[in-house]
Amino acid sequence: MEESTFPLTYQIACIVLTALFVLSFSISREPRQWRRLFQSVFQRDQPISVNKNKVLDEQLKTYGITVAMVFLVADVGCFVAGITYRDRIERNQKTTEEWYRLQELNKVQGSSQGRSATGS
């Protein structure tokens, strides 16, 4: 079975983090609607205070943007980790002898490129 270039666990994590980013960003963009929904579902019997609601709306906006950016950074990090997964696994599976051969090959190629650049 061939190793995937973008494993399923990273795909699922990216989807979940993207959904959380979109949700938190939409809450921070329209906090009044989300606050009203929350109050209608969970706080029906409590009195409504206009000043308290304004403060809640501002806090939702402030913290919502911060949380959304955290989810976005985590999402991008997860995406980059998923893309580079195959290279990281292959690099960790090389033996020390293979590393020495690769380094010698790079030295030979580097010195031959340096000679051809100075010779022309």
Protein backbone atom coordinates (compact mmCIF):
# COMPACT_ATOMS: atom_id res chain seq x y z
CA MET A 1 0.00 0.00 0.00
CA GLU A 2 1.39 3.38 -1.00
CA GLU A 3 1.83 6.07 1.62
CA SER A 4 -0.50 8.99 1.16
CA THR A 5 0.98 12.38 0.43
CA PHE A 6 -1.63 14.01 2.67
CA PRO A 7 -2.75 11.55 5.41
CA LEU A 8 -6.36 11.26 6.49
CA THR A 9 -5.70 12.45 10.04
CA TYR A 10 -4.29 15.74 8.74
CA GLN A 11 -7.23 16.10 6.34
CA ILE A 12 -9.74 15.64 9.16
CA ALA A 13 -7.86 18.05 11.41
CA CYS A 14 -7.79 20.68 8.65
CA ILE A 15 -11.52 20.31 8.04
CA VAL A 16 -12.36 20.62 11.75
CA LEU A 17 -10.03 23.59 12.27
CA THR A 18 -11.43 25.34 9.19
CA ALA A 19 -14.98 24.82 10.44
CA LEU A 20 -14.05 26.19 13.87
CA PHE A 21 -12.35 29.18 12.24
CA VAL A 22 -15.41 29.97 10.11
CA LEU A 23 -17.74 29.59 13.10
CA SER A 24 -15.70 31.80 15.43
CA PHE A 25 -15.12 34.38 12.71
CA SER A 26 -18.83 34.55 11.90
CA ILE A 27 -19.64 34.95 15.61
CA SER A 28 -17.16 37.81 15.88
CA ARG A 29 -18.57 39.49 12.77
CA GLU A 30 -22.21 39.40 13.94
CA PRO A 31 -22.12 39.07 17.75
CA ARG A 32 -25.60 40.48 18.33
CA GLN A 33 -27.37 37.67 16.45
CA TRP A 34 -25.37 34.96 18.21
CA ARG A 35 -25.90 36.57 21.64
CA ARG A 36 -29.64 36.77 21.02
CA LEU A 37 -29.71 33.12 19.95
CA PHE A 38 -27.82 32.10 23.08
CA GLN A 39 -30.08 34.18 25.33
CA SER A 40 -33.25 32.85 23.73
CA VAL A 41 -32.14 29.26 24.20
CA PHE A 42 -30.39 29.32 27.57
CA GLN A 43 -31.42 32.51 29.41
CA ARG A 44 -35.14 32.95 28.75
CA ASP A 45 -36.13 33.71 32.31
CA GLN A 46 -33.43 36.32 33.03
CA PRO A 47 -34.13 40.04 32.60
CA ILE A 48 -32.62 41.81 29.59
CA SER A 49 -30.12 44.60 30.23
CA VAL A 50 -29.16 46.80 27.28
CA ASN A 51 -25.85 47.90 28.77
CA LYS A 52 -24.89 44.35 29.66
CA ASN A 53 -25.76 43.22 26.14
CA LYS A 54 -23.57 45.92 24.57
CA VAL A 55 -20.64 44.86 26.73
CA LEU A 56 -21.23 41.23 25.78
CA ASP A 57 -21.33 42.13 22.09
CA GLU A 58 -18.01 43.96 22.33
CA GLN A 59 -16.40 41.11 24.23
CA LEU A 60 -17.67 38.59 21.68
CA LYS A 61 -16.19 40.67 18.90
CA THR A 62 -12.81 41.06 20.62
CA TYR A 63 -12.38 37.48 21.77
CA GLY A 64 -13.99 36.03 18.64
CA ILE A 65 -11.38 37.57 16.35
CA THR A 66 -8.57 36.36 18.61
CA VAL A 67 -9.93 32.82 18.76
CA ALA A 68 -10.55 32.81 15.00
CA MET A 69 -6.94 33.79 14.32
CA VAL A 70 -5.68 31.05 16.65
CA PHE A 71 -7.76 28.51 14.72
CA LEU A 72 -6.47 29.90 11.42
CA VAL A 73 -2.82 29.63 12.49
CA ALA A 74 -3.40 26.08 13.76
CA ASP A 75 -5.15 25.20 10.50
CA VAL A 76 -2.28 26.50 8.37
CA GLY A 77 0.23 24.69 10.58
CA CYS A 78 -1.70 21.45 10.26
CA PHE A 79 -1.92 21.89 6.49
CA VAL A 80 1.83 22.44 6.17
CA ALA A 81 2.53 19.45 8.43
CA GLY A 82 0.26 17.30 6.26
CA ILE A 83 1.90 18.42 3.03
CA THR A 84 5.42 17.78 4.34
CA TYR A 85 4.49 14.48 6.03
CA ARG A 86 5.93 12.21 3.35
CA ASP A 87 9.25 14.06 3.18
CA ARG A 88 9.63 14.04 6.95
CA ILE A 89 8.95 10.30 7.16
CA GLU A 90 11.41 9.52 4.36
CA ARG A 91 14.08 11.70 5.97
CA ASN A 92 13.71 9.94 9.32
CA GLN A 93 13.94 6.47 7.75
CA LYS A 94 17.35 6.99 6.11
CA THR A 95 20.30 5.23 7.69
CA THR A 96 23.51 7.00 8.60
CA GLU A 97 25.27 5.33 5.68
CA GLU A 98 22.70 6.76 3.26
CA TRP A 99 23.22 10.21 4.83
CA TYR A 100 26.98 9.98 4.31
CA ARG A 101 26.49 8.96 0.68
CA LEU A 102 24.08 11.83 0.11
CA GLN A 103 26.46 14.33 1.69
CA GLU A 104 29.37 13.07 -0.44
CA LEU A 105 27.22 13.29 -3.56
CA ASN A 106 26.26 16.88 -2.69
CA LYS A 107 29.93 17.77 -2.13
CA VAL A 108 30.93 16.30 -5.50
CA GLN A 109 28.08 18.05 -7.30
CA GLY A 110 28.86 21.32 -5.55
CA SER A 111 32.52 21.23 -6.45
CA SER A 112 31.79 20.29 -10.08
CA GLN A 113 29.31 23.17 -10.39
CA GLY A 114 31.89 25.55 -8.91
CA ARG A 115 34.52 24.45 -11.44
CA SER A 116 32.15 24.79 -14.40
CA ALA A 117 31.09 28.29 -13.30
CA THR A 118 34.70 29.50 -12.99
CA GLY A 119 35.82 27.73 -16.18
CA SER A 120 33.35 29.51 -18.51
